[in-house]
Protein backbone atom coordinates (compact mmCIF):
# COMPACT_ATOMS: atom_id res chain seq x y z
CA MET A 1 155.30 168.35 117.38
CA ARG A 2 154.74 165.34 115.08
CA ILE A 3 156.46 162.99 117.57
CA GLU A 4 154.26 164.32 120.39
CA HIS A 5 151.19 163.71 118.29
CA ARG A 6 152.22 160.16 117.42
CA ILE A 7 152.74 159.40 121.11
CA TYR A 8 149.37 160.94 121.97
CA MET A 9 147.52 159.01 119.31
CA ARG A 10 149.27 155.78 120.31
CA LEU A 11 148.12 156.27 123.89
CA LEU A 12 144.61 157.03 122.71
CA THR A 13 144.62 153.85 120.62
CA VAL A 14 145.70 151.82 123.64
CA PHE A 15 142.83 153.22 125.72
CA LEU A 16 140.30 152.57 123.00
CA SER A 17 141.53 149.03 122.52
CA LEU A 18 140.85 148.05 126.14
CA PRO A 19 138.05 145.55 126.70
CA ALA A 20 134.59 147.15 126.47
CA ALA A 21 133.78 146.01 130.02
CA SER A 22 136.73 147.99 131.34
CA ILE A 23 136.06 151.32 129.80
CA PRO A 24 133.04 153.67 129.53
CA ALA A 25 131.34 154.56 126.28
CA GLN A 26 133.72 156.58 124.12
CA ASN A 27 131.25 158.30 121.84
CA LEU A 28 128.61 160.97 122.10
CA ALA A 29 125.28 159.26 121.44
CA LEU A 30 124.28 161.62 118.62
CA PRO A 31 122.51 160.63 115.40
CA PRO A 32 124.46 160.99 112.14
CA ARG A 33 124.67 164.50 110.80
CA SER A 34 122.10 165.14 108.07
CA THR A 35 123.46 166.00 104.64
CA ASN A 36 121.27 169.14 104.59
CA ALA A 37 122.09 170.33 108.08
CA PRO A 38 123.40 173.91 108.21
CA ASP A 39 127.14 174.41 108.60
CA GLY A 40 128.54 176.70 111.26
CA ASN A 41 128.27 179.92 109.26
CA ALA A 42 124.68 179.19 108.18
CA PHE A 43 123.68 178.33 111.74
CA VAL A 44 125.12 181.60 113.01
CA LYS A 45 122.82 183.46 110.61
CA GLN A 46 119.87 181.43 111.82
CA ILE A 47 120.36 182.40 115.50
CA SER A 48 121.73 185.94 115.20
CA ALA A 49 118.36 187.67 115.74
CA LEU A 50 117.09 185.33 118.48
CA ASP A 51 116.86 186.25 122.13
CA PRO A 52 119.05 184.17 124.52
CA ALA A 53 116.29 181.72 125.47
CA GLU A 54 115.41 181.03 121.83
CA ARG A 55 119.10 180.76 120.96
CA ASP A 56 119.56 178.12 123.65
CA GLN A 57 116.64 176.13 122.25
CA GLU A 58 117.98 176.23 118.69
CA ILE A 59 121.47 175.15 119.75
CA GLU A 60 120.06 172.29 121.86
CA SER A 61 117.75 171.10 119.09
CA ALA A 62 120.46 171.24 116.41
CA PHE A 63 123.10 169.47 118.53
CA LEU A 64 120.77 166.67 119.69
CA ALA A 65 119.56 166.21 116.09
CA GLY A 66 123.17 165.43 115.12
CA ASP A 67 124.30 168.74 113.61
CA ALA A 68 127.72 168.38 115.19
CA PRO A 69 131.19 167.79 113.69
CA ASP A 70 132.26 164.17 113.38
CA PHE A 71 135.52 164.82 115.26
CA LEU A 72 133.61 165.94 118.35
CA ARG A 73 131.87 162.58 118.80
CA ASN A 74 134.86 160.57 120.07
CA PHE A 75 135.90 161.16 123.70
CA CYS A 76 139.51 161.55 124.80
CA PRO A 77 140.95 159.98 127.97
CA VAL A 78 142.44 162.13 130.73
CA THR A 79 144.27 160.35 133.55
CA VAL A 80 144.50 161.74 137.09
CA THR A 81 145.82 160.53 140.45
CA ASN A 82 145.38 161.31 144.09
CA THR A 83 146.65 159.89 147.36
CA THR A 84 144.37 159.33 150.36
CA ASP A 85 145.45 157.61 153.60
CA GLY A 86 148.66 156.53 151.92
CA ILE A 87 146.81 154.91 149.00
CA THR A 88 147.35 156.22 145.50
CA ASN A 89 144.25 156.12 143.30
CA VAL A 90 144.37 156.32 139.51
CA GLY A 91 141.41 157.58 137.54
CA THR A 92 140.65 158.16 133.89
CA PHE A 93 137.75 160.32 132.79
CA PHE A 94 136.69 160.85 129.19
CA VAL A 95 135.99 164.22 127.57
CA ALA A 96 134.90 165.61 124.25
CA PRO A 97 137.93 166.86 122.31
CA ASP A 98 136.47 170.34 122.06
CA TYR A 99 133.49 172.40 123.21
CA ILE A 100 129.89 171.97 122.04
CA ALA A 101 129.84 172.92 118.37
CA ILE A 102 127.33 173.11 115.51
CA GLY A 103 128.25 172.31 111.95
CA SER A 104 130.71 170.09 110.09
CA ASP A 105 134.38 169.27 110.40
CA THR A 106 135.08 171.85 107.72
CA ASN A 107 132.83 174.62 109.09
CA TYR A 108 131.76 174.56 112.76
CA PHE A 109 130.67 177.08 115.35
CA LEU A 110 131.63 176.74 119.02
CA ALA A 111 128.29 177.58 120.57
CA PRO A 112 128.07 179.27 124.01
CA VAL A 113 124.93 178.29 125.98
CA SER A 114 123.52 178.94 129.43
CA PRO A 115 124.21 176.42 132.21
CA GLY A 116 120.60 175.24 132.06
CA ALA A 117 120.96 174.36 128.36
CA ALA A 118 124.38 172.84 128.98
CA GLN A 119 122.94 170.62 131.73
CA ARG A 120 120.03 169.50 129.55
CA LEU A 121 122.47 168.52 126.80
CA ALA A 122 124.63 166.66 129.28
CA ASP A 123 121.61 164.84 130.75
CA ASN A 124 120.39 163.81 127.31
CA LEU A 125 123.79 162.46 126.29
CA GLY A 126 124.92 160.60 129.41
CA CYS A 127 127.38 163.29 130.38
CA ILE A 128 128.23 165.75 133.11
CA LEU A 129 129.97 169.14 133.11
CA PRO A 130 133.57 169.34 134.33
CA THR A 131 134.90 170.52 137.69
CA ARG A 132 137.73 173.04 138.07
CA ARG A 133 140.19 170.19 138.71
CA MET A 134 139.00 168.43 135.58
CA VAL A 135 139.55 171.59 133.50
CA ASP A 136 143.13 171.86 134.80
CA ALA A 137 143.71 168.19 134.02
CA ILE A 138 142.26 168.56 130.52
CA TYR A 139 144.57 171.47 129.83
CA ALA A 140 147.59 169.50 131.10
CA ALA A 141 146.68 166.49 128.96
CA ALA A 142 145.75 168.39 125.78
CA PRO A 143 148.35 168.10 123.01
CA VAL A 144 146.77 171.18 121.44
CA LYS A 145 147.07 174.22 123.67
CA LEU A 146 145.67 177.33 122.03
CA PRO A 147 146.64 180.71 123.47
CA PRO A 148 143.62 182.70 124.76
CA SER A 149 142.32 185.43 122.49
CA SER A 150 140.22 188.15 124.11
CA ILE A 151 137.84 190.78 122.71
CA PRO A 152 137.52 194.13 124.52
CA PRO A 153 134.51 193.99 126.87
CA SER A 154 131.32 195.69 125.71
CA ALA A 155 127.56 195.24 125.74
CA ALA A 156 127.96 193.26 122.51
CA MET A 157 130.07 190.53 124.12
CA THR A 158 126.90 188.56 124.87
CA THR A 159 125.64 188.64 121.27
CA VAL A 160 125.97 186.13 118.43
CA PRO A 161 128.04 188.41 116.12
CA VAL A 162 130.78 188.61 118.76
CA PHE A 163 130.46 184.87 119.38
CA ALA A 164 131.06 184.33 115.67
CA GLN A 165 133.99 186.78 115.64
CA HIS A 166 135.72 184.87 118.41
CA ASN A 167 134.92 181.60 116.71
CA GLN A 168 136.71 182.76 113.54
CA THR A 169 139.81 183.62 115.58
CA ILE A 170 139.89 180.18 117.20
CA TRP A 171 139.18 178.52 113.86
CA ALA A 172 142.27 180.13 112.37
CA GLN A 173 144.38 179.04 115.36
CA ARG A 174 143.13 175.47 115.20
CA MET A 175 143.41 175.06 111.43
CA ALA A 176 147.04 176.14 111.58
CA LEU A 177 147.77 172.99 113.63
CA THR A 178 145.74 170.34 111.84
CA ASN A 179 148.73 168.86 110.00
CA SER A 180 150.41 168.05 113.28
CA PHE A 181 147.22 167.50 115.30
CA PRO A 182 144.17 166.50 113.20
CA LEU A 183 140.68 167.35 114.44
CA GLY A 184 139.78 164.99 117.25
CA ALA A 185 142.93 165.65 119.24
CA LEU A 186 142.20 167.13 122.64
CA VAL A 187 142.33 170.92 122.52
CA ALA A 188 142.20 173.42 125.40
CA GLY A 189 143.05 176.97 126.41
CA HIS A 190 140.81 178.80 123.98
CA LYS A 191 137.65 179.24 126.14
CA LYS A 192 136.52 179.49 129.74
CA ASP A 193 134.57 176.45 130.92
CA VAL A 194 131.10 176.32 132.45
CA VAL A 195 131.90 174.11 135.45
CA ILE A 196 130.15 172.45 138.36
CA SER A 197 131.23 173.46 141.84
CA ALA A 198 130.48 172.66 145.48
CA ARG A 199 129.78 176.36 145.89
CA LEU A 200 126.74 176.14 143.62
CA ALA A 201 124.86 174.36 146.43
CA GLY A 202 124.28 177.74 148.08
CA LEU A 203 124.00 179.78 144.89
CA THR A 204 121.40 178.07 142.74
CA ASN A 205 120.88 181.11 140.51
CA ARG A 206 124.51 181.51 139.38
CA VAL A 207 126.82 180.15 136.76
CA ALA A 208 130.31 178.93 137.70
CA ILE A 209 133.05 179.62 135.13
CA TYR A 210 136.74 178.81 135.19
CA GLY A 211 139.76 178.46 132.94
CA TRP A 212 141.02 180.11 129.75
CA HIS A 213 144.57 178.96 130.48
CA ARG A 214 147.53 180.99 129.33
CA THR A 215 150.38 179.10 127.69
CA ASN A 216 152.16 179.03 131.08
CA GLY A 217 149.29 176.96 132.47
CA VAL A 218 147.80 179.70 134.67
CA PRO A 219 144.12 180.38 134.00
CA ILE A 220 142.96 183.91 133.22
CA GLN A 221 139.61 183.20 134.93
CA PRO A 222 139.73 181.90 138.53
CA LEU A 223 136.61 180.04 139.68
CA PHE A 224 133.95 182.73 139.47
CA LEU A 225 130.29 182.67 140.55
CA GLY A 226 129.59 186.37 140.29
CA HIS A 227 127.39 186.20 137.19
CA ALA A 228 123.68 185.37 137.27
CA TRP A 229 122.88 182.02 135.65
CA TRP A 230 121.72 183.68 132.43
CA TRP A 231 125.08 185.36 131.73
CA VAL A 232 126.57 183.97 128.48
CA ASP A 233 129.39 185.77 126.73
CA TYR A 234 131.74 184.92 123.84
CA SER A 235 134.51 183.60 126.08
CA GLN A 236 132.67 180.79 127.84
CA CYS A 237 131.71 177.40 126.44
CA THR A 238 130.66 173.93 127.53
CA ARG A 239 132.71 170.77 127.33
CA LEU A 240 130.94 167.45 127.83
CA VAL A 241 132.41 164.75 130.05
CA SER A 242 131.27 161.13 130.11
CA ASP A 243 129.30 160.43 133.30
CA THR A 244 131.28 157.18 133.78
CA MET A 245 134.99 156.96 134.46
CA LEU A 246 137.63 154.39 135.43
CA VAL A 247 138.89 154.35 139.01
CA ASN A 248 141.66 151.90 139.79
CA GLY A 249 140.55 149.88 136.77
CA ARG A 250 136.83 149.81 137.69
CA LYS A 251 133.98 151.64 136.00
CA GLU A 252 132.43 154.20 138.38
CA PRO A 253 129.76 156.88 137.92
CA VAL A 254 131.49 160.26 138.05
CA ALA A 255 128.78 161.46 140.48
CA ASP A 256 129.68 158.66 142.88
CA VAL A 257 133.36 159.58 142.72
CA LEU A 258 132.52 163.20 143.48
CA ALA A 259 130.46 162.10 146.47
CA ASP A 260 133.17 159.83 147.88
CA PRO A 261 135.52 161.57 150.40
CA ARG A 262 138.26 159.06 149.56
CA LEU A 263 138.06 159.43 145.79
CA CYS A 264 136.69 162.91 145.08
CA GLY A 265 140.22 164.35 145.05
CA LEU A 266 140.77 162.64 141.73
CA ILE A 267 138.47 165.10 139.98
CA SER A 268 137.60 167.81 142.58
CA ASP A 269 139.80 170.29 144.41
CA GLU A 270 136.84 171.43 146.53
CA GLY A 271 136.23 168.13 148.35
CA VAL A 272 132.92 166.35 148.02
CA VAL A 273 130.47 167.67 145.43
CA LYS A 274 127.04 166.29 146.31
CA ASN A 275 124.90 167.64 143.51
CA PRO A 276 127.03 167.92 140.36
CA SER A 277 124.48 169.61 138.15
CA TYR A 278 122.60 172.80 137.40
CA PRO A 279 118.82 173.29 137.40
CA THR A 280 117.44 172.78 133.90
CA ASN A 281 114.32 174.93 133.91
CA PHE A 282 115.55 178.46 134.61
CA ILE A 283 113.12 181.11 133.38
CA TRP A 284 114.88 183.90 131.47
CA PRO A 285 114.35 187.24 133.27
CA GLU A 286 112.95 190.42 131.84
CA LYS A 287 115.46 193.17 131.27
CA ILE A 288 115.45 195.37 134.32
CA ASP A 289 115.17 198.57 132.30
CA LEU A 290 112.04 197.41 130.46
CA PRO A 291 108.45 197.44 131.83
CA TRP A 292 106.55 194.20 132.31
CA PRO A 293 104.83 194.27 128.87
CA GLN A 294 108.13 193.37 127.21
CA LYS A 295 107.51 190.09 125.33
CA PHE A 296 103.75 190.37 126.02
CA SER A 297 101.32 191.05 123.19
CA SER A 298 97.67 191.94 122.86
CA ASN A 299 95.53 188.88 122.27
CA GLY A 300 92.54 190.80 120.93
CA SER A 301 90.19 189.59 123.68
CA PHE A 302 88.86 192.24 126.08
CA GLY A 303 92.11 194.22 125.66
CA GLU A 304 94.17 191.65 127.53
CA TRP A 305 97.86 191.01 127.03
CA THR A 306 99.41 187.56 127.15
CA ARG A 307 102.80 185.91 127.10
CA GLU A 308 103.45 182.21 126.54
CA ILE A 309 106.54 180.50 127.94
CA GLN A 310 107.47 176.96 126.95
CA LEU A 311 109.79 175.53 129.55
CA PRO A 312 112.21 172.71 128.58
CA ASP A 313 110.84 170.28 131.16
CA ASP A 314 107.45 169.88 129.50
CA VAL A 315 105.67 172.83 131.16
CA ARG A 316 103.72 175.46 129.27
CA VAL A 317 102.92 178.77 130.99
CA MET A 318 100.41 181.31 129.67
CA ILE A 319 100.38 184.64 131.52
CA ASN A 320 97.26 186.81 131.18
CA ALA A 321 97.35 190.43 132.29
CA PRO A 322 95.29 193.58 131.80
CA ALA A 323 96.42 195.92 129.04
CA PRO A 324 99.37 198.12 130.08
CA GLU A 325 97.17 201.22 130.29
CA LYS A 326 95.01 199.38 132.85
CA PHE A 327 97.98 198.13 134.82
CA PRO A 328 98.69 200.63 137.62
CA THR A 329 102.23 200.77 138.87
CA ASN A 330 101.23 201.98 142.34
CA GLN A 331 99.23 198.97 143.51
CA PRO A 332 100.07 195.32 144.21
CA VAL A 333 100.00 192.60 141.58
CA GLU A 334 97.95 189.58 142.63
CA LEU A 335 99.72 186.86 140.63
CA VAL A 336 97.50 183.81 140.47
CA PHE A 337 99.14 180.49 139.55
CA TYR A 338 96.29 178.37 138.24
CA ALA A 339 97.34 174.71 137.84
CA LEU A 340 95.17 173.01 135.21
CA PRO A 341 92.94 169.99 135.84
CA ASN A 342 93.83 166.65 134.38
CA GLY A 343 93.12 166.40 130.67
CA ASN A 344 92.65 170.08 129.96
CA THR A 345 94.61 172.57 127.86
CA ILE A 346 95.14 176.20 128.79
CA GLU A 347 92.69 177.32 126.09
CA GLN A 348 89.99 175.01 127.41
CA THR A 349 90.59 176.26 130.93
CA ILE A 350 90.30 179.90 129.86
CA GLY A 351 87.02 178.96 128.08
CA LYS A 352 84.90 180.34 125.25
CA LYS A 353 81.33 180.43 124.02
CA LEU A 354 80.58 176.95 122.85
CA GLN A 355 79.38 176.49 119.27
CA PRO A 356 77.51 173.36 118.05
CA GLY A 357 79.88 170.44 117.67
CA GLU A 358 82.75 172.03 119.62
CA ASP A 359 84.65 170.38 122.46
CA TRP A 360 82.66 170.60 125.71
CA HIS A 361 85.87 171.19 127.68
CA PHE A 362 85.74 174.87 126.67
CA ASN A 363 82.58 175.28 128.77
CA ILE A 364 83.41 173.72 132.12
CA GLN A 365 85.68 176.24 133.89
CA HIS A 366 85.75 179.71 132.27
CA ILE A 367 88.66 180.94 134.36
CA GLY A 368 89.22 183.67 131.78
CA ALA A 369 85.69 185.07 132.11
CA GLN A 370 85.70 184.73 135.90
CA THR A 371 89.02 186.60 136.00
CA ARG A 372 87.54 189.44 133.91
CA TRP A 373 84.57 189.63 136.26
CA LEU A 374 86.98 189.79 139.22
CA ARG A 375 88.99 192.61 137.63
CA GLN A 376 85.84 194.76 137.58
CA MET A 377 85.10 193.98 141.23
CA VAL A 378 88.60 194.19 142.69
CA THR A 379 90.15 197.59 142.11
CA ASN A 380 92.86 197.82 144.77
CA ARG A 381 95.18 195.30 143.16
CA THR A 382 95.98 194.07 139.63
CA ILE A 383 95.00 190.47 138.91
CA VAL A 384 97.37 188.51 136.67
CA VAL A 385 96.80 184.82 136.00
CA ALA A 386 99.57 182.39 135.05
CA TYR A 387 98.00 179.23 133.62
CA LEU A 388 100.20 176.15 134.15
CA GLU A 389 99.89 173.16 131.81
CA ALA A 390 101.98 169.99 132.04
CA LYS A 391 102.70 168.36 128.67
CA THR A 392 101.09 165.17 129.96
CA ARG A 393 98.02 167.24 130.92
CA SER A 394 98.44 165.73 134.38
CA TRP A 395 100.38 167.31 137.17
CA PRO A 396 100.45 164.06 139.19
CA ALA A 397 102.04 162.29 136.20
CA TRP A 398 104.46 165.18 135.59
CA ARG A 399 105.68 165.06 139.19
CA LYS A 400 106.61 161.40 138.81
CA GLN A 401 109.22 162.53 136.28
CA HIS A 402 110.42 165.80 137.86
CA PRO A 403 111.48 166.87 141.37
CA ASP A 404 109.19 169.18 143.37
CA ARG A 405 111.88 171.85 143.54
CA ARG A 406 111.15 172.51 139.85
CA ILE A 407 107.71 173.79 140.83
CA ALA A 408 109.17 176.29 143.29
CA GLU A 409 111.63 177.42 140.59
CA ILE A 410 108.76 177.97 138.13
CA VAL A 411 106.80 180.02 140.66
CA ASN A 412 109.81 182.14 141.56
CA GLY A 413 110.75 182.64 137.91
CA VAL A 414 107.30 183.81 136.80
CA ARG A 415 107.03 186.04 139.83
CA GLY A 416 110.32 187.68 138.77
CA ILE A 417 108.66 189.01 135.61
CA PHE A 418 106.74 191.46 137.82
CA SER A 419 109.66 192.28 140.12
CA ALA A 420 109.09 196.01 139.64
CA ASN A 421 105.75 195.65 141.44
CA GLN A 422 104.80 194.50 144.91
CA THR A 423 103.64 191.00 144.04
CA GLU A 424 101.34 188.75 146.07
CA ILE A 425 101.06 185.10 145.10
CA VAL A 426 97.91 183.01 144.89
CA LEU A 427 98.20 179.24 144.45
CA ALA A 428 94.98 177.96 142.88
CA SER A 429 94.10 174.66 141.20
CA HIS A 430 91.31 172.43 139.98
CA SER A 431 91.30 168.61 139.99
CA GLY A 432 94.76 167.13 139.47
CA GLY A 433 96.18 170.65 139.45
CA GLY A 434 96.18 170.40 143.24
CA SER A 435 99.26 168.20 142.84
CA PHE A 436 101.13 171.30 141.64
CA ILE A 437 100.29 173.11 144.91
CA PHE A 438 101.32 170.14 147.07
CA GLY A 439 104.52 169.84 145.07
CA TYR A 440 105.23 173.48 145.88
CA LEU A 441 104.48 172.91 149.57
CA ASN A 442 106.85 169.95 149.57
CA ALA A 443 109.62 171.99 147.94
CA VAL A 444 109.69 174.85 150.45
CA ASP A 445 110.79 174.65 154.10
CA LYS A 446 107.95 177.00 154.96
CA ILE A 447 105.30 178.71 152.88
CA PRO A 448 106.64 182.19 152.01
CA ALA A 449 104.88 185.25 153.34
CA SER A 450 104.38 186.40 149.73
CA VAL A 451 101.87 183.56 149.23
CA ARG A 452 98.66 185.37 150.25
CA ARG A 453 96.05 182.79 149.27
CA ILE A 454 95.82 179.07 148.61
CA ALA A 455 92.69 177.83 146.87
CA PHE A 456 91.76 174.21 146.25
CA LEU A 457 88.88 173.96 143.79
CA ASP A 458 87.99 170.28 144.33
CA SER A 459 91.69 169.52 144.10
CA ASP A 460 93.13 168.56 147.48
CA TYR A 461 93.44 164.79 146.75
CA GLU A 462 97.10 164.70 147.82
CA TYR A 463 96.70 166.40 151.21
CA ASP A 464 98.90 164.53 153.70
CA SER A 465 98.79 165.53 157.36
CA THR A 466 102.39 164.43 157.97
CA LEU A 467 103.70 166.60 155.12
CA HIS A 468 101.38 169.59 154.97
CA GLU A 469 99.51 170.18 158.24
CA GLU A 470 102.18 172.13 160.14
CA LYS A 471 103.28 174.16 157.13
CA ILE A 472 99.68 175.26 156.44
CA LYS A 473 99.00 176.03 160.13
CA THR A 474 102.22 178.03 160.51
CA TRP A 475 101.49 179.99 157.35
CA LEU A 476 97.88 180.80 158.32
CA ALA A 477 98.95 181.93 161.80
CA ALA A 478 101.78 184.12 160.49
CA SER A 479 99.63 186.86 158.96
CA GLY A 480 96.08 188.17 158.90
CA GLU A 481 96.52 188.50 155.12
CA HIS A 482 96.81 184.73 154.52
CA HIS A 483 93.71 182.99 153.21
CA LEU A 484 92.81 179.36 152.61
CA CYS A 485 89.72 178.39 150.59
CA VAL A 486 88.74 174.75 150.01
CA LEU A 487 85.86 173.72 147.73
CA ALA A 488 84.77 170.09 147.60
CA TYR A 489 81.72 167.88 147.26
CA GLN A 490 80.63 164.48 148.49
CA ASP A 491 82.45 162.75 145.67
CA TYR A 492 82.47 159.30 147.23
CA LEU A 493 78.67 159.27 146.72
CA ALA A 494 78.95 160.31 143.07
CA LEU A 495 78.28 157.73 140.37
CA TYR A 496 79.77 157.70 136.91
CA ASN A 497 78.14 155.19 134.58
CA GLY A 498 76.50 153.79 137.67
CA LYS A 499 79.79 153.24 139.52
CA SER A 500 81.62 155.14 142.28
CA PHE A 501 85.12 156.32 141.38
CA VAL A 502 86.71 157.50 144.67
CA SER A 503 86.75 156.15 148.21
CA GLU A 504 85.24 157.93 151.19
CA THR A 505 88.66 159.01 152.43
CA GLY A 506 90.56 159.29 149.16
CA GLY A 507 88.44 161.85 147.31
CA THR A 508 88.35 165.55 147.94
CA TRP A 509 85.47 165.19 150.48
CA GLY A 510 87.63 162.88 152.62
CA ARG A 511 90.82 164.89 152.15
CA SER A 512 89.01 168.17 152.94
CA GLU A 513 87.59 166.71 156.11
CA ALA A 514 91.07 165.52 157.09
CA MET A 515 92.53 168.99 156.52
CA LEU A 516 89.62 170.60 158.39
CA ASN A 517 90.06 168.32 161.35
CA ASP A 518 93.78 169.05 161.46
CA LEU A 519 93.18 172.80 161.45
CA ARG A 520 90.57 172.52 164.20
CA SER A 521 93.32 171.77 166.70
CA GLN A 522 94.58 175.35 166.30
CA PHE A 523 91.68 177.42 164.90
CA ALA A 524 88.13 177.77 166.20
CA PHE A 525 85.63 177.09 163.43
CA THR A 526 81.98 178.02 163.11
CA SER A 527 79.70 176.05 160.84
CA GLN A 528 76.37 176.36 159.03
CA THR A 529 74.50 174.39 156.37
CA ASN A 530 72.60 176.15 153.57
CA SER A 531 70.78 174.10 150.93
CA GLY A 532 73.14 171.20 151.42
CA LEU A 533 76.28 173.34 151.43
CA GLU A 534 78.26 172.91 154.60
CA ILE A 535 80.28 176.04 155.39
CA TYR A 536 83.10 175.98 157.92
CA SER A 537 84.87 179.23 158.72
CA ALA A 538 87.68 180.37 161.03
CA ALA A 539 90.07 183.30 161.56
CA ASN A 540 87.48 185.92 160.58
CA GLY A 541 86.75 184.13 157.35
CA ARG A 542 90.34 183.76 156.24
CA ILE A 543 89.94 179.99 156.44
CA GLU A 544 86.89 178.65 154.66
CA PHE A 545 85.73 175.18 153.68
CA LEU A 546 82.65 174.87 151.44
CA LEU A 547 81.61 171.23 151.27
CA LYS A 548 78.64 170.36 149.05
CA GLU A 549 76.49 167.40 150.09
CA ASN A 550 75.51 165.02 147.28
CA PRO A 551 72.45 162.91 148.05
CA ASP A 552 71.59 162.68 144.36
CA HIS A 553 74.92 160.97 143.50
CA LYS A 554 75.83 163.61 140.88
CA VAL A 555 79.27 164.36 139.49
CA LEU A 556 79.81 167.95 140.59
CA HIS A 557 83.54 168.09 139.99
CA SER A 558 83.55 170.86 137.35
CA VAL A 559 80.19 172.34 138.34
CA GLN A 560 81.83 173.74 141.45
CA VAL A 561 84.23 175.71 139.26
CA ALA A 562 81.86 176.82 136.49
CA GLN A 563 79.23 178.07 138.95
CA ASN A 564 81.38 180.93 140.19
CA GLY A 565 83.83 178.67 142.02
CA PHE A 566 86.97 180.56 140.98
CA ILE A 567 85.35 183.84 141.98
CA GLN A 568 84.44 182.39 145.37
CA ALA A 569 87.95 180.97 145.87
CA MET A 570 89.48 184.39 145.16
CA LEU A 571 87.12 186.44 147.32
CA SER A 572 86.52 184.22 150.38
CA GLY A 573 87.16 186.03 153.63
CA THR A 574 87.09 189.48 152.01
CA PRO A 575 84.43 192.22 152.07
CA ASP A 576 83.65 191.36 148.42
CA GLU A 577 82.67 187.78 149.17
CA GLY A 578 79.15 187.10 147.91
CA GLN A 579 78.79 190.54 146.32
CA GLY A 580 77.19 190.27 142.87
CA TYR A 581 77.45 186.49 142.65
CA GLU A 582 76.44 183.32 144.45
CA TYR A 583 78.65 180.27 144.76
CA LEU A 584 76.90 177.36 143.03
CA GLY A 585 74.42 179.87 141.63
CA GLU A 586 73.90 181.22 138.12
CA ARG A 587 77.07 182.16 136.25
CA ALA A 588 77.82 185.78 137.13
CA TYR A 589 80.42 186.18 134.43
CA THR A 590 78.39 185.34 131.27
CA ASN A 591 79.04 188.71 129.67
CA TRP A 592 82.79 188.18 130.04
CA VAL A 593 83.02 184.91 128.11
CA GLN A 594 85.05 185.33 124.90
CA THR A 595 83.53 184.21 121.62
CA ALA A 596 86.71 182.59 120.26
CA ILE A 597 90.23 181.65 121.22
CA PRO A 598 92.58 184.44 119.98
């Protein structure tokens, strides 16, 4: 054993002594561990009572803050070969010596996390997750091969106490070998790996696990994608792999090697792997056996219940629903995704009665009060609003940093909270929030039938005929239940501090006219003008454009919303349109404005 270790350490020293230009970074880019950071046992106590989503967040935060053992920071080389077209390729990839762990060298906790959290950690640290072939190669190369230790399956196998129990078993196995193989030697066999797989391309809501090799080299767990992405039990863990490797002496991104038909065999036994990563913004589901109010709480305002979700990719979601006793189970849920305007918070968008000296943003939309008014008017479905706030307070800016598919994932995840109900989706937005809707349209091949209404409240700046015309036409023609409402004003005539701020074609007036003209090729519109409000209607009112003329050069951007605009956008084309309110008239919802933010 000691001779084997000396040989292994000598090889490792040779690799680490190669010129820097020839070899990828060998260290995890973590800050030094703080002297007051919790050790493994203390950290286990911190997370024992947390739900899985909170647990993931705590593990991520602690690890990225540097609460990781010193031995884990130095990567180990693993060499592989393959032969293609008679040419033998040699590759070396670099892996952490053990799985993600929290604590110190003398007291650490191997921390199971979901694939979303694992991917976020990998992305932050210049790493990827291993493939099945990599896991086999790691086991073959590891001088420390620990025999698997299982715990009888039970409902508790996904809980922290069982995680800790398994960790203690592995700790005892590993400490028994430290004289021969000090910490930092490559160790394998003691956990299943969360892996990337070509099969994940068609199963975006699953986790792929593999490994847990017996001492004869045969894994207990074949490649398995039967668990939903959120499944995390004591036996699975995450090993980080450097995202750069050596191939025939050259540095290559691991992703490029996986995408190369000639080279992928070095590290993949499934052929080419085009997207070697997991989504990073999964939304944790409600437990199936619990009603929707689970994790909601009363906010003290008009008996409403709310739930806030902070997603890891800088998105905050606030879901507002009627109290459970006012939430019928036998009627549809109308789930409104309301994407916030640029510069506004969720609380400002909900609105409140403005007191002297308070921020005027609380008095320009009042979506909360308009929603309460709607709930009294609409009794055949339950209105739930999901407010969507980007950390930058700008959806256009957020989309420059994140792919549009994230938006579709957010919509689908929030919708899943109400999976016990028939759920109809409304996509609504004001100002820059329209970018959220267009991001969603870009992300889907066709607009799903479950989307019953799309409402642009002066927010269709990003309408592009080449991207959106056919999708919107196809969706509108597919069902008599699909509605489109567009509110805009002659913004190119508006003056702010004496200056115009949008062009004739680039503002919502120009974009609305472009969308209207595109739809005219398929739908027959009628039109009328009432007090400077141009109204264009088609498909029995299901399609409606309300375009406000602006001869006085005013800025009417938020006025359109505050003067019953959200109500109008939700009721256009229905028998309730115009009942008890007037668009651009006096606020119909005054009695429903809350006095303070709960």
